[in-house]
Amino acid sequence: MNVLDSTDSHPSAIELYNLLKPHHKNLSLASVYRNLDYLVKNGEIVKLTISCGFERYDADTSLHGHFVCLKCGALVDFQVCTEDLPLYREMEKKKSYKIIRKLVIAEGYCPNCSDSE
């Protein structure tokens, strides 16, 4: 959790494993996945499943958006305002919907990838 909390790079499980392994020789990738699943289930972190098929993790559980570059995979936070999200309020008013997590994900091309085309 400390490693994840100290970065805003939204690492994958494998990236976290590679960061932790030099300091924890007996660490297994399965342990990393197991602990990440536990933290997600307890609402301590957010798992982002990106459309290109990979999963990244974020220790910031506050409502904020994520921009994903479709070319290089960069993942960047951006601020959102709850007043800008009337759909959530509308859905929550309906008794048949129970929203447990609010995610805002925008996809496109970052400045570096936009400039290279």
Protein backbone atom coordinates (compact mmCIF):
# COMPACT_ATOMS: atom_id res chain seq x y z
CA MET A 1 0.00 0.00 0.00
CA ASN A 2 2.87 2.39 0.79
CA VAL A 3 4.39 1.95 -2.66
CA LEU A 4 1.05 2.45 -4.39
CA ASP A 5 0.27 5.46 -2.21
CA SER A 6 3.62 7.07 -3.04
CA THR A 7 3.04 7.20 -6.81
CA ASP A 8 0.57 8.74 -9.21
CA SER A 9 1.68 6.51 -12.10
CA HIS A 10 -1.20 4.03 -11.64
CA PRO A 11 1.03 0.94 -11.75
CA SER A 12 -0.04 -2.52 -12.86
CA ALA A 13 0.30 -5.52 -10.54
CA ILE A 14 3.47 -6.57 -12.36
CA GLU A 15 4.97 -3.08 -12.00
CA LEU A 16 4.20 -3.16 -8.27
CA TYR A 17 5.73 -6.61 -8.00
CA ASN A 18 8.91 -5.39 -9.72
CA LEU A 19 9.13 -2.43 -7.34
CA LEU A 20 8.61 -4.59 -4.25
CA LYS A 21 10.62 -7.70 -5.14
CA PRO A 22 14.12 -6.26 -4.44
CA HIS A 23 13.04 -5.47 -0.87
CA HIS A 24 10.99 -8.65 -0.30
CA LYS A 25 12.89 -11.63 -1.71
CA ASN A 26 10.13 -14.17 -0.97
CA LEU A 27 7.37 -12.10 -2.58
CA SER A 28 5.30 -13.81 -5.27
CA LEU A 29 3.22 -12.21 -7.99
CA ALA A 30 0.23 -14.16 -6.67
CA SER A 31 0.66 -12.41 -3.30
CA VAL A 32 0.65 -9.02 -5.01
CA TYR A 33 -2.57 -9.85 -6.86
CA ARG A 34 -4.16 -11.26 -3.69
CA ASN A 35 -3.31 -8.13 -1.69
CA LEU A 36 -4.48 -5.81 -4.47
CA ASP A 37 -7.81 -7.68 -4.66
CA TYR A 38 -8.17 -7.34 -0.88
CA LEU A 39 -7.48 -3.59 -0.99
CA VAL A 40 -9.93 -3.11 -3.88
CA LYS A 41 -12.69 -5.07 -2.10
CA ASN A 42 -12.18 -2.99 1.04
CA GLY A 43 -12.36 0.26 -0.92
CA GLU A 44 -8.81 1.28 -0.04
CA ILE A 45 -7.68 1.46 -3.68
CA VAL A 46 -9.29 1.62 -7.11
CA LYS A 47 -8.74 -0.90 -9.90
CA LEU A 48 -8.93 0.66 -13.35
CA THR A 49 -9.68 -1.71 -16.20
CA ILE A 50 -8.64 0.15 -19.32
CA SER A 51 -10.19 -0.58 -22.71
CA CYS A 52 -6.92 -1.85 -24.17
CA GLY A 53 -7.17 -4.74 -21.71
CA PHE A 54 -4.82 -3.92 -18.87
CA GLU A 55 -5.51 -3.24 -15.22
CA ARG A 56 -3.90 -0.44 -13.24
CA TYR A 57 -4.27 0.54 -9.59
CA ASP A 58 -4.80 3.89 -7.90
CA ALA A 59 -4.51 4.68 -4.19
CA ASP A 60 -6.54 7.87 -4.65
CA THR A 61 -10.13 6.84 -3.99
CA SER A 62 -11.54 10.35 -4.23
CA LEU A 63 -13.78 11.17 -7.16
CA HIS A 64 -11.50 12.19 -10.02
CA GLY A 65 -11.12 11.38 -13.68
CA HIS A 66 -8.51 9.42 -15.61
CA PHE A 67 -7.27 10.20 -19.09
CA VAL A 68 -5.85 7.22 -20.99
CA CYS A 69 -3.69 7.65 -24.08
CA LEU A 70 -4.71 5.04 -26.64
CA LYS A 71 -1.25 5.05 -28.22
CA CYS A 72 1.31 5.01 -25.38
CA GLY A 73 -0.94 3.94 -22.49
CA ALA A 74 -0.20 7.00 -20.35
CA LEU A 75 -2.70 7.37 -17.52
CA VAL A 76 -3.18 10.82 -16.02
CA ASP A 77 -5.53 12.09 -13.30
CA PHE A 78 -7.79 15.07 -13.80
CA GLN A 79 -10.24 16.77 -11.48
CA VAL A 80 -13.98 16.49 -11.92
CA CYS A 81 -16.73 18.35 -10.13
CA THR A 82 -19.66 16.38 -8.73
CA GLU A 83 -22.03 18.97 -10.18
CA ASP A 84 -20.74 17.92 -13.61
CA LEU A 85 -22.01 14.38 -13.09
CA PRO A 86 -25.83 14.58 -13.06
CA LEU A 87 -26.08 11.01 -14.33
CA TYR A 88 -24.85 9.64 -10.99
CA ARG A 89 -27.44 11.62 -9.04
CA GLU A 90 -30.18 10.53 -11.45
CA MET A 91 -29.19 6.87 -11.18
CA GLU A 92 -28.96 7.01 -7.38
CA LYS A 93 -32.50 8.39 -7.12
CA LYS A 94 -33.84 5.24 -8.78
CA LYS A 95 -34.34 2.51 -6.20
CA SER A 96 -33.15 -0.24 -8.50
CA TYR A 97 -29.60 1.21 -8.80
CA LYS A 98 -26.97 1.11 -6.10
CA ILE A 99 -23.79 2.85 -7.23
CA ILE A 100 -20.79 1.64 -5.23
CA ARG A 101 -18.05 3.36 -7.21
CA LYS A 102 -17.97 6.33 -9.55
CA LEU A 103 -15.38 6.35 -12.34
CA VAL A 104 -14.72 8.87 -15.07
CA ILE A 105 -12.41 7.64 -17.83
CA ALA A 106 -11.57 9.66 -20.92
CA GLU A 107 -9.63 8.11 -23.79
CA GLY A 108 -7.70 9.83 -26.54
CA TYR A 109 -4.14 10.86 -27.36
CA CYS A 110 -1.74 12.61 -25.02
CA PRO A 111 0.20 15.68 -26.27
CA ASN A 112 3.28 13.58 -27.10
CA CYS A 113 1.32 11.09 -29.19
CA SER A 114 -0.84 13.78 -30.81
CA ASP A 115 2.30 15.60 -31.95
CA SER A 116 3.88 12.45 -33.40
CA GLU A 117 1.08 11.84 -35.89
